[in-house]
């Protein structure tokens, strides 16, 4: 004949589980990663350049235009190239092609130079 409390003892053994205090650390890491990605997306959206996230888009950004530390950032698809402007890259001699005028409404009009010498 089996004792009646045997089932209770087995059930009590199965209910006892150990709690690891470091189980919550993994969840905190996941939350931190989601927060970091959300911040990056918010930063891109705040600069109004969602093309940075589009793998098929092309984009050109000029930082510090006309200053000695000028940089041109070119994104073509998934490749990004940064050009630091120096005399070798954007300097040199050339010829005048014409004149560009900015109108009061913000449009730019290009007037070619006369070719008569």
C-alpha atoms as a PDB file:
ATOM      1  CA  UNK A   1       0.000   0.000   0.000  1.00  0.00           C
ATOM      2  CA  UNK A   2       1.340   3.458  -0.986  1.00  0.00           C
ATOM      3  CA  UNK A   3       1.379   6.285   1.470  1.00  0.00           C
ATOM      4  CA  UNK A   4      -0.921   9.172   0.505  1.00  0.00           C
ATOM      5  CA  UNK A   5       1.623  11.966   1.081  1.00  0.00           C
ATOM      6  CA  UNK A   6       4.077  10.686  -1.586  1.00  0.00           C
ATOM      7  CA  UNK A   7       2.349  12.733  -4.281  1.00  0.00           C
ATOM      8  CA  UNK A   8       2.542  15.811  -2.164  1.00  0.00           C
ATOM      9  CA  UNK A   9       6.269  15.420  -1.648  1.00  0.00           C
ATOM     10  CA  UNK A  10       6.908  15.073  -5.377  1.00  0.00           C
ATOM     11  CA  UNK A  11       4.738  18.046  -6.181  1.00  0.00           C
ATOM     12  CA  UNK A  12       6.591  20.134  -3.608  1.00  0.00           C
ATOM     13  CA  UNK A  13       9.954  19.177  -5.123  1.00  0.00           C
ATOM     14  CA  UNK A  14       8.846  20.305  -8.585  1.00  0.00           C
ATOM     15  CA  UNK A  15       7.560  23.664  -7.361  1.00  0.00           C
ATOM     16  CA  UNK A  16      10.861  24.674  -5.808  1.00  0.00           C
ATOM     17  CA  UNK A  17      12.907  26.662  -8.350  1.00  0.00           C
ATOM     18  CA  UNK A  18      16.009  28.713  -7.840  1.00  0.00           C
ATOM     19  CA  UNK A  19      15.809  32.410  -8.665  1.00  0.00           C
ATOM     20  CA  UNK A  20      18.904  33.880 -10.281  1.00  0.00           C
ATOM     21  CA  UNK A  21      19.222  37.609  -9.484  1.00  0.00           C
ATOM     22  CA  UNK A  22      21.068  38.215 -12.784  1.00  0.00           C
ATOM     23  CA  UNK A  23      18.088  37.181 -14.947  1.00  0.00           C
ATOM     24  CA  UNK A  24      16.891  40.796 -15.010  1.00  0.00           C
ATOM     25  CA  UNK A  25      20.222  42.084 -16.385  1.00  0.00           C
ATOM     26  CA  UNK A  26      19.584  40.502 -19.789  1.00  0.00           C
ATOM     27  CA  UNK A  27      16.232  42.251 -19.984  1.00  0.00           C
ATOM     28  CA  UNK A  28      17.841  45.594 -19.079  1.00  0.00           C
ATOM     29  CA  UNK A  29      20.377  45.139 -21.885  1.00  0.00           C
ATOM     30  CA  UNK A  30      17.578  44.503 -24.387  1.00  0.00           C
ATOM     31  CA  UNK A  31      15.701  47.588 -23.229  1.00  0.00           C
ATOM     32  CA  UNK A  32      18.881  49.687 -23.509  1.00  0.00           C
ATOM     33  CA  UNK A  33      19.504  48.495 -27.077  1.00  0.00           C
ATOM     34  CA  UNK A  34      15.944  49.314 -28.156  1.00  0.00           C
ATOM     35  CA  UNK A  35      16.282  52.749 -26.539  1.00  0.00           C
ATOM     36  CA  UNK A  36      19.593  53.405 -28.363  1.00  0.00           C
ATOM     37  CA  UNK A  37      18.122  52.460 -31.750  1.00  0.00           C
ATOM     38  CA  UNK A  38      15.099  54.679 -31.081  1.00  0.00           C
ATOM     39  CA  UNK A  39      17.425  57.601 -30.292  1.00  0.00           C
ATOM     40  CA  UNK A  40      19.351  57.086 -33.539  1.00  0.00           C
ATOM     41  CA  UNK A  41      16.144  57.024 -35.573  1.00  0.00           C
ATOM     42  CA  UNK A  42      14.891  60.157 -33.795  1.00  0.00           C
ATOM     43  CA  UNK A  43      18.184  61.910 -34.575  1.00  0.00           C
ATOM     44  CA  UNK A  44      17.965  61.078 -38.272  1.00  0.00           C
ATOM     45  CA  UNK A  45      14.340  62.192 -38.405  1.00  0.00           C
ATOM     46  CA  UNK A  46      15.108  65.452 -36.584  1.00  0.00           C
ATOM     47  CA  UNK A  47      17.593  66.413 -39.308  1.00  0.00           C
ATOM     48  CA  UNK A  48      14.918  65.637 -41.943  1.00  0.00           C
ATOM     49  CA  UNK A  49      17.186  63.198 -43.774  1.00  0.00           C
ATOM     50  CA  UNK A  50      15.392  59.822 -43.719  1.00  0.00           C
ATOM     51  CA  UNK A  51      17.350  59.036 -46.897  1.00  0.00           C
ATOM     52  CA  UNK A  52      20.204  58.015 -44.593  1.00  0.00           C
ATOM     53  CA  UNK A  53      18.162  54.945 -43.608  1.00  0.00           C
ATOM     54  CA  UNK A  54      17.025  54.086 -47.158  1.00  0.00           C
ATOM     55  CA  UNK A  55      19.521  51.642 -48.749  1.00  0.00           C
ATOM     56  CA  UNK A  56      18.595  52.739 -52.295  1.00  0.00           C
ATOM     57  CA  UNK A  57      18.725  56.520 -51.789  1.00  0.00           C
ATOM     58  CA  UNK A  58      21.559  58.845 -52.776  1.00  0.00           C
ATOM     59  CA  UNK A  59      22.422  61.875 -50.666  1.00  0.00           C
ATOM     60  CA  UNK A  60      25.098  64.588 -50.583  1.00  0.00           C
ATOM     61  CA  UNK A  61      25.680  66.703 -47.468  1.00  0.00           C
ATOM     62  CA  UNK A  62      28.079  69.666 -47.267  1.00  0.00           C
ATOM     63  CA  UNK A  63      29.399  70.509 -43.802  1.00  0.00           C
ATOM     64  CA  UNK A  64      30.934  73.960 -43.133  1.00  0.00           C
ATOM     65  CA  UNK A  65      30.512  75.271 -46.709  1.00  0.00           C
ATOM     66  CA  UNK A  66      33.137  77.782 -47.785  1.00  0.00           C
ATOM     67  CA  UNK A  67      35.264  77.324 -44.654  1.00  0.00           C
ATOM     68  CA  UNK A  68      38.702  75.690 -44.376  1.00  0.00           C
ATOM     69  CA  UNK A  69      37.307  72.574 -42.626  1.00  0.00           C
ATOM     70  CA  UNK A  70      34.665  71.922 -45.295  1.00  0.00           C
ATOM     71  CA  UNK A  71      33.595  68.297 -45.788  1.00  0.00           C
ATOM     72  CA  UNK A  72      31.380  66.691 -48.401  1.00  0.00           C
ATOM     73  CA  UNK A  73      29.576  63.501 -47.378  1.00  0.00           C
ATOM     74  CA  UNK A  74      28.314  61.429 -50.312  1.00  0.00           C
ATOM     75  CA  UNK A  75      25.960  58.489 -49.754  1.00  0.00           C
ATOM     76  CA  UNK A  76      25.259  56.398 -52.831  1.00  0.00           C
ATOM     77  CA  UNK A  77      23.150  53.380 -51.945  1.00  0.00           C
ATOM     78  CA  UNK A  78      24.925  51.589 -49.117  1.00  0.00           C
ATOM     79  CA  UNK A  79      28.345  53.227 -49.592  1.00  0.00           C
ATOM     80  CA  UNK A  80      29.263  56.416 -47.744  1.00  0.00           C
ATOM     81  CA  UNK A  81      32.281  58.511 -48.744  1.00  0.00           C
ATOM     82  CA  UNK A  82      33.632  61.542 -46.869  1.00  0.00           C
ATOM     83  CA  UNK A  83      35.709  64.093 -48.783  1.00  0.00           C
ATOM     84  CA  UNK A  84      37.826  66.580 -46.825  1.00  0.00           C
ATOM     85  CA  UNK A  85      38.202  69.618 -49.067  1.00  0.00           C
ATOM     86  CA  UNK A  86      41.798  70.604 -49.778  1.00  0.00           C
ATOM     87  CA  UNK A  87      43.513  72.382 -52.663  1.00  0.00           C
ATOM     88  CA  UNK A  88      44.165  68.997 -54.293  1.00  0.00           C
ATOM     89  CA  UNK A  89      40.506  67.930 -54.249  1.00  0.00           C
ATOM     90  CA  UNK A  90      38.539  71.108 -54.980  1.00  0.00           C
ATOM     91  CA  UNK A  91      41.164  73.723 -55.744  1.00  0.00           C
ATOM     92  CA  UNK A  92      43.064  74.592 -58.849  1.00  0.00           C
ATOM     93  CA  UNK A  93      42.532  76.697 -61.903  1.00  0.00           C
ATOM     94  CA  UNK A  94      39.592  76.799 -64.267  1.00  0.00           C
ATOM     95  CA  UNK A  95      37.472  79.076 -66.361  1.00  0.00           C
ATOM     96  CA  UNK A  96      34.406  81.109 -65.559  1.00  0.00           C
ATOM     97  CA  UNK A  97      31.274  79.545 -67.015  1.00  0.00           C
ATOM     98  CA  UNK A  98      28.750  82.144 -65.968  1.00  0.00           C
ATOM     99  CA  UNK A  99      27.023  83.743 -63.004  1.00  0.00           C
ATOM    100  CA  UNK A 100      24.378  82.409 -60.642  1.00  0.00           C
ATOM    101  CA  UNK A 101      21.832  84.755 -59.050  1.00  0.00           C
ATOM    102  CA  UNK A 102      19.555  83.993 -56.114  1.00  0.00           C
ATOM    103  CA  UNK A 103      16.144  85.607 -56.537  1.00  0.00           C
ATOM    104  CA  UNK A 104      13.971  87.018 -53.750  1.00  0.00           C
ATOM    105  CA  UNK A 105      11.715  83.931 -53.826  1.00  0.00           C
ATOM    106  CA  UNK A 106      14.716  81.637 -53.200  1.00  0.00           C
ATOM    107  CA  UNK A 107      15.165  80.300 -56.739  1.00  0.00           C
ATOM    108  CA  UNK A 108      18.614  80.318 -58.307  1.00  0.00           C
ATOM    109  CA  UNK A 109      19.062  81.435 -61.922  1.00  0.00           C
ATOM    110  CA  UNK A 110      22.222  80.603 -63.910  1.00  0.00           C
ATOM    111  CA  UNK A 111      23.313  82.988 -66.658  1.00  0.00           C
ATOM    112  CA  UNK A 112      26.041  81.591 -68.926  1.00  0.00           C
ATOM    113  CA  UNK A 113      28.998  83.844 -69.756  1.00  0.00           C
ATOM    114  CA  UNK A 114      29.345  85.305 -73.247  1.00  0.00           C
ATOM    115  CA  UNK A 115      31.713  83.255 -75.397  1.00  0.00           C
ATOM    116  CA  UNK A 116      32.725  86.294 -77.463  1.00  0.00           C
ATOM    117  CA  UNK A 117      36.323  87.209 -76.679  1.00  0.00           C
END
